[in-house]
Protein backbone atom coordinates (compact mmCIF):
# COMPACT_ATOMS: atom_id res chain seq x y z
CA MET A 1 54.68 92.63 77.41
CA LEU A 2 55.05 90.86 80.74
CA MET A 3 55.86 87.62 78.96
CA GLU A 4 58.63 89.34 76.99
CA LEU A 5 60.11 90.84 80.17
CA GLY A 6 59.96 87.46 81.86
CA TRP A 7 61.72 85.81 78.93
CA VAL A 8 64.47 88.48 78.93
CA TRP A 9 64.87 88.07 82.71
CA SER A 10 65.07 84.29 82.51
CA SER A 11 67.52 84.38 79.61
CA GLY A 12 69.74 86.90 81.44
CA LEU A 13 69.66 84.79 84.58
CA ARG A 14 70.50 81.67 82.60
CA LEU A 15 73.44 83.44 80.96
CA GLN A 16 74.73 84.60 84.35
CA LEU A 17 74.52 81.09 85.77
CA VAL A 18 76.47 79.76 82.81
CA MET A 19 79.18 82.41 83.20
CA LEU A 20 79.44 81.87 86.96
CA THR A 21 79.79 78.13 86.43
CA LEU A 22 82.44 78.77 83.79
CA MET A 23 84.29 81.07 86.20
CA VAL A 24 84.34 78.43 88.93
CA CYS A 25 85.49 75.70 86.53
CA PHE A 26 88.20 77.86 84.96
CA SER A 27 89.52 78.92 88.37
CA LEU A 28 89.63 75.32 89.57
CA LEU A 29 91.31 74.23 86.34
CA CYS A 30 94.05 76.87 86.66
CA GLY A 31 94.56 76.20 90.36
CA PHE A 32 94.69 72.42 90.28
CA GLY A 33 96.48 72.34 86.93
CA SER A 34 99.27 74.57 88.19
CA LEU A 35 99.39 72.57 91.43
CA CYS A 36 99.93 69.31 89.54
CA VAL A 37 102.57 70.85 87.28
CA ILE A 38 104.46 72.42 90.20
CA ARG A 39 104.46 69.23 92.27
CA ARG A 40 105.52 67.05 89.36
CA ALA A 41 108.36 69.42 88.46
CA ALA A 42 109.37 69.75 92.12
CA GLY A 43 110.14 66.03 92.24
CA ALA A 44 113.09 66.55 89.91
CA ARG A 45 113.93 70.17 90.78
CA PRO A 46 112.94 71.28 94.30
CA ARG A 47 113.68 74.93 93.44
CA VAL A 48 110.64 75.02 91.16
CA VAL A 49 108.27 75.52 94.10
CA SER A 50 110.25 78.48 95.40
CA LEU A 51 110.52 80.07 91.95
CA ALA A 52 106.78 79.63 91.34
CA SER A 53 106.19 81.28 94.70
CA CYS A 54 108.17 84.31 93.47
CA VAL A 55 105.79 84.63 90.52
CA SER A 56 102.83 84.42 92.91
CA ALA A 57 104.34 87.17 95.08
CA GLY A 58 104.46 89.45 92.04
CA VAL A 59 100.86 88.62 91.16
CA PHE A 60 99.68 89.38 94.69
CA LEU A 61 101.67 92.61 94.74
CA SER A 62 100.09 93.85 91.49
CA SER A 63 96.62 92.87 92.67
CA CYS A 64 97.21 94.64 95.96
CA LEU A 65 98.68 97.92 94.70
CA LEU A 66 96.94 98.33 91.34
CA GLU A 67 93.49 96.85 91.99
CA LEU A 68 92.64 96.39 95.65
CA LEU A 69 93.81 99.77 96.94
CA PRO A 70 92.19 101.93 94.18
CA ASP A 71 88.94 99.94 94.37
CA TYR A 72 88.77 100.30 98.14
CA GLN A 73 89.45 104.03 98.04
CA ASN A 74 86.83 104.62 95.33
CA HIS A 75 84.26 102.46 97.10
CA SER A 76 84.80 104.12 100.48
CA ARG A 77 84.61 107.58 98.90
CA ASP A 78 81.37 106.70 97.11
CA THR A 79 79.91 105.18 100.28
CA PHE A 80 80.64 108.24 102.41
CA SER A 81 79.33 110.65 99.76
CA ARG A 82 76.17 108.55 99.24
CA LEU A 83 75.49 108.63 102.98
CA GLY A 84 76.20 112.35 103.20
CA LEU A 85 79.17 111.98 105.55
CA ALA A 86 81.72 114.80 105.46
CA LEU A 87 84.77 113.37 107.21
CA HIS A 88 87.76 115.44 108.31
CA PHE A 89 89.59 112.31 109.40
CA PRO A 90 91.07 109.76 106.95
CA LEU A 91 88.77 106.94 108.10
CA ALA A 92 89.35 104.74 105.05
CA GLU A 93 93.12 104.88 105.48
CA PHE A 94 92.72 104.31 109.22
CA LEU A 95 90.79 101.08 108.63
CA LEU A 96 93.45 100.00 106.16
CA ALA A 97 96.18 100.65 108.70
CA MET A 98 94.24 98.77 111.40
CA GLY A 99 94.12 95.66 109.22
CA PHE A 100 97.83 95.96 108.49
CA LEU A 101 98.77 96.46 112.15
CA LEU A 102 96.46 93.71 113.32
CA VAL A 103 98.52 91.08 111.52
CA LEU A 104 101.75 92.62 112.79
CA VAL A 105 100.55 92.53 116.41
CA LEU A 106 99.30 88.95 116.12
CA GLU A 107 102.59 87.77 114.64
CA GLN A 108 104.69 89.47 117.30
CA MET A 109 102.48 88.07 120.08
CA LEU A 110 102.82 84.54 118.72
CA LEU A 111 106.57 84.97 118.34
CA ALA A 112 106.86 86.29 121.90
CA LEU A 113 104.95 83.28 123.23
CA ARG A 114 107.00 80.82 121.18
CA GLU A 115 110.50 82.23 121.71
CA PRO A 116 111.02 80.86 125.26
CA ALA A 117 110.39 77.31 123.98
CA ASP A 118 112.69 77.79 120.97
CA GLU A 119 115.42 79.66 122.81
CA VAL A 120 118.90 78.40 122.01
CA SER A 121 121.53 78.31 124.73
CA VAL A 122 124.68 80.39 124.45
CA GLU A 123 126.91 77.32 124.30
CA LYS A 124 124.90 75.71 121.51
CA GLN A 125 124.81 78.93 119.54
CA ALA A 126 128.60 79.28 119.86
CA LEU A 127 129.12 75.71 118.64
CA ILE A 128 126.87 76.32 115.64
CA GLU A 129 128.71 79.51 114.72
CA GLU A 130 132.09 77.82 115.13
CA ALA A 131 130.97 75.04 112.77
CA GLY A 132 130.35 77.68 110.13
CA ARG A 133 126.61 77.18 109.96
CA PRO A 134 124.46 80.27 110.49
CA LEU A 135 121.74 80.00 113.07
CA GLN A 136 118.40 79.74 111.33
CA ARG A 137 115.73 81.72 113.11
CA SER A 138 112.05 81.59 112.39
CA ARG A 139 110.78 84.50 110.36
CA GLY A 140 107.33 84.38 111.86
CA PRO A 141 104.41 82.03 112.34
CA ALA A 142 103.93 80.57 108.88
CA GLY A 143 100.59 78.96 109.78
CA LEU A 144 99.10 82.35 110.67
CA ARG A 145 100.31 83.85 107.39
CA VAL A 146 98.81 81.03 105.36
CA PHE A 147 95.47 81.32 107.16
CA LEU A 148 95.36 85.11 106.77
CA LEU A 149 96.37 84.87 103.11
CA GLU A 150 93.55 82.44 102.38
CA LEU A 151 91.07 84.48 104.43
CA SER A 152 91.98 87.83 102.88
CA VAL A 153 92.05 86.51 99.32
CA CYS A 154 88.62 84.87 99.69
CA VAL A 155 87.02 87.86 101.44
CA CYS A 156 88.47 90.30 98.90
CA ALA A 157 87.18 88.15 96.04
CA LEU A 158 83.73 87.98 97.67
CA LEU A 159 83.55 91.75 98.20
CA GLN A 160 84.81 92.47 94.70
CA GLY A 161 82.15 90.13 93.35
CA LEU A 162 79.49 92.22 95.11
CA SER A 163 80.66 95.30 93.19
CA VAL A 164 80.80 93.67 89.75
CA GLN A 165 78.50 95.32 87.23
CA TRP A 166 77.64 92.38 85.01
CA ASP A 167 78.77 92.90 81.43
CA LEU A 168 79.73 90.35 78.82
CA GLN A 169 82.75 92.45 77.86
CA GLU A 170 84.17 91.97 81.37
CA CYS A 171 83.81 88.20 81.37
CA VAL A 172 87.15 87.46 79.71
CA PRO A 173 89.19 89.78 82.01
CA LEU A 174 87.41 88.31 85.03
CA LEU A 175 88.20 84.79 83.91
CA LEU A 176 91.85 85.65 83.30
CA HIS A 177 92.13 87.38 86.64
CA GLU A 178 90.55 84.45 88.46
CA GLY A 179 92.86 82.00 86.73
CA LEU A 180 95.98 84.01 87.53
CA MET A 181 95.00 84.45 91.18
CA ALA A 182 94.22 80.72 91.46
CA PHE A 183 97.69 79.94 90.11
CA ALA A 184 99.30 82.40 92.55
CA LEU A 185 97.39 80.97 95.49
CA SER A 186 98.26 77.42 94.47
CA ALA A 187 101.96 78.28 94.21
CA ARG A 188 102.00 80.06 97.56
CA LEU A 189 100.18 77.26 99.40
CA SER A 190 102.49 74.67 97.83
CA HIS A 191 105.52 76.66 98.89
CA CYS A 192 104.25 76.69 102.49
CA GLY A 193 104.28 72.89 102.52
CA LEU A 194 100.59 72.30 103.18
CA ARG A 195 98.99 68.91 102.72
CA PRO A 196 97.25 68.35 99.37
CA ALA A 197 93.84 68.23 101.08
CA LEU A 198 94.35 71.68 102.62
CA VAL A 199 95.60 73.14 99.35
CA SER A 200 92.58 71.70 97.54
CA ALA A 201 90.20 73.13 100.14
CA GLY A 202 91.84 76.55 99.84
CA LEU A 203 91.57 76.54 96.05
CA LEU A 204 87.94 75.44 96.22
CA LEU A 205 87.02 78.23 98.64
CA PHE A 206 88.73 80.83 96.50
CA SER A 207 87.07 79.56 93.32
CA LEU A 208 83.64 79.90 94.91
CA ALA A 209 84.22 83.29 96.58
CA ARG A 210 83.87 85.71 93.66
CA PRO A 211 81.00 83.85 91.93
CA ALA A 212 79.21 83.79 95.29
CA GLY A 213 79.70 87.55 95.63
CA ILE A 214 78.41 88.15 92.11
CA GLY A 215 75.36 85.98 92.81
CA ILE A 216 74.63 87.75 96.10
CA GLY A 217 75.00 91.15 94.47
CA PHE A 218 72.70 90.14 91.62
CA GLY A 219 70.11 88.81 94.04
CA PHE A 220 69.99 91.78 96.42
CA GLY A 221 70.83 94.47 93.90
CA MET A 222 71.53 97.90 95.37
CA SER A 223 68.81 97.71 98.06
CA VAL A 224 71.08 97.72 101.09
CA SER A 225 70.84 99.91 104.17
CA ALA A 226 73.34 102.52 105.28
CA GLN A 227 74.51 100.32 108.15
CA VAL A 228 75.26 97.45 105.75
CA GLN A 229 77.24 99.77 103.47
CA LEU A 230 79.32 101.06 106.38
CA MET A 231 79.93 97.54 107.68
CA ARG A 232 81.01 96.43 104.24
CA CYS A 233 83.37 99.41 103.92
CA ALA A 234 84.92 98.62 107.31
CA LEU A 235 85.30 94.93 106.45
CA GLU A 236 86.81 95.80 103.08
CA GLY A 237 89.34 98.14 104.70
CA LEU A 238 90.44 95.64 107.34
CA THR A 239 90.71 92.85 104.77
CA ALA A 240 92.67 95.07 102.39
CA GLY A 241 95.12 95.92 105.16
CA ILE A 242 95.58 92.25 106.01
CA PHE A 243 96.11 91.36 102.35
CA ILE A 244 98.66 94.16 101.94
CA HIS A 245 100.64 92.91 104.94
CA VAL A 246 100.58 89.31 103.73
CA SER A 247 101.47 90.29 100.15
CA ILE A 248 104.39 92.50 101.11
CA GLY A 249 105.45 89.96 103.72
CA GLY A 250 105.63 87.37 100.96
CA LEU A 251 108.27 89.53 99.30
CA LEU A 252 110.27 90.18 102.45
CA TRP A 253 110.17 86.57 103.64
CA GLN A 254 110.99 85.05 100.29
CA ASP A 255 113.91 82.73 100.90
CA SER A 256 117.04 82.67 98.76
CA ALA A 257 119.11 79.53 98.96
CA SER A 258 122.14 81.17 97.36
CA PRO A 259 123.03 84.58 95.91
CA LYS A 260 122.94 83.26 92.33
CA HIS A 261 119.18 82.59 92.62
CA ARG A 262 118.31 86.11 93.73
CA VAL A 263 118.40 87.52 90.21
CA HIS A 264 116.11 84.73 89.01
CA GLU A 265 113.70 85.35 91.87
CA VAL A 266 113.53 89.08 91.18
CA ALA A 267 112.99 88.41 87.46
CA LEU A 268 110.15 85.98 88.21
CA LEU A 269 108.62 88.40 90.70
CA LEU A 270 108.61 91.12 88.02
CA THR A 271 107.10 88.60 85.61
CA GLY A 272 104.22 87.94 88.00
CA PHE A 273 103.73 91.67 88.51
CA ALA A 274 103.70 92.21 84.73
CA LEU A 275 101.12 89.45 84.22
CA GLY A 276 98.82 90.98 86.84
CA THR A 277 99.27 94.44 85.33
CA ALA A 278 98.53 93.16 81.81
CA ILE A 279 95.24 91.62 82.93
CA LEU A 280 94.28 94.89 84.62
CA PHE A 281 94.93 96.68 81.32
CA THR A 282 92.39 94.43 79.63
CA LYS A 283 89.70 95.78 81.97
CA VAL A 284 90.27 99.38 80.82
């Protein structure tokens, strides 16, 4: 009897290792494959990078509104009920708002520190306006947004991996979701003009995040203390708020070179949103 249980355990562990390895490889393939295609196409048509970034914005928006928010609300509700906490204050929404406002405060502080160095004189501004060229102002610290996007995507993937109940029927939706998110992250990092080494490091970290979370959850199981559950809920709320700010900011800060491209950008954004929604339907 013990030998049979040991064989079942070892076979299940072997199957999980195979699926986790397949998830990492598929995510890396989608990320680096899309990166190569985007950069090769951008050599002939520079607008390709911006249009691919519109698709990624739609993917992030669908993941944020249709997956991240419901999962966080359900997980926080289950955590509070499991711990016997009857709250009369919307603590889960408060943590979400704190993550959102944290990014806003950091951006405004960096802009306030940078504006004196980038301040344009009145005479120069008048000459630029007389020449018919609009004054281009920075829309925020792009480096901070890229860092927070990478951080929030990786942390969200790690925390979602901890909650995955392993089932072979969910392997295909997980693989599709990982591949689509890797494409979206690759397009967004390429649009920000990062060096190939940084883009590769970001894709590698993201590809390892969810499999690492699944492995940690499988190793520890459900034997976690109340303090760990509360810390995880707080971290998940702050990260979700950061990801919401970065995702929505990607829509608001999306550049349009000319009015004729705006319709194309909106269509591609809706395409990315539809792709993310379709993959979520496969999980039902």
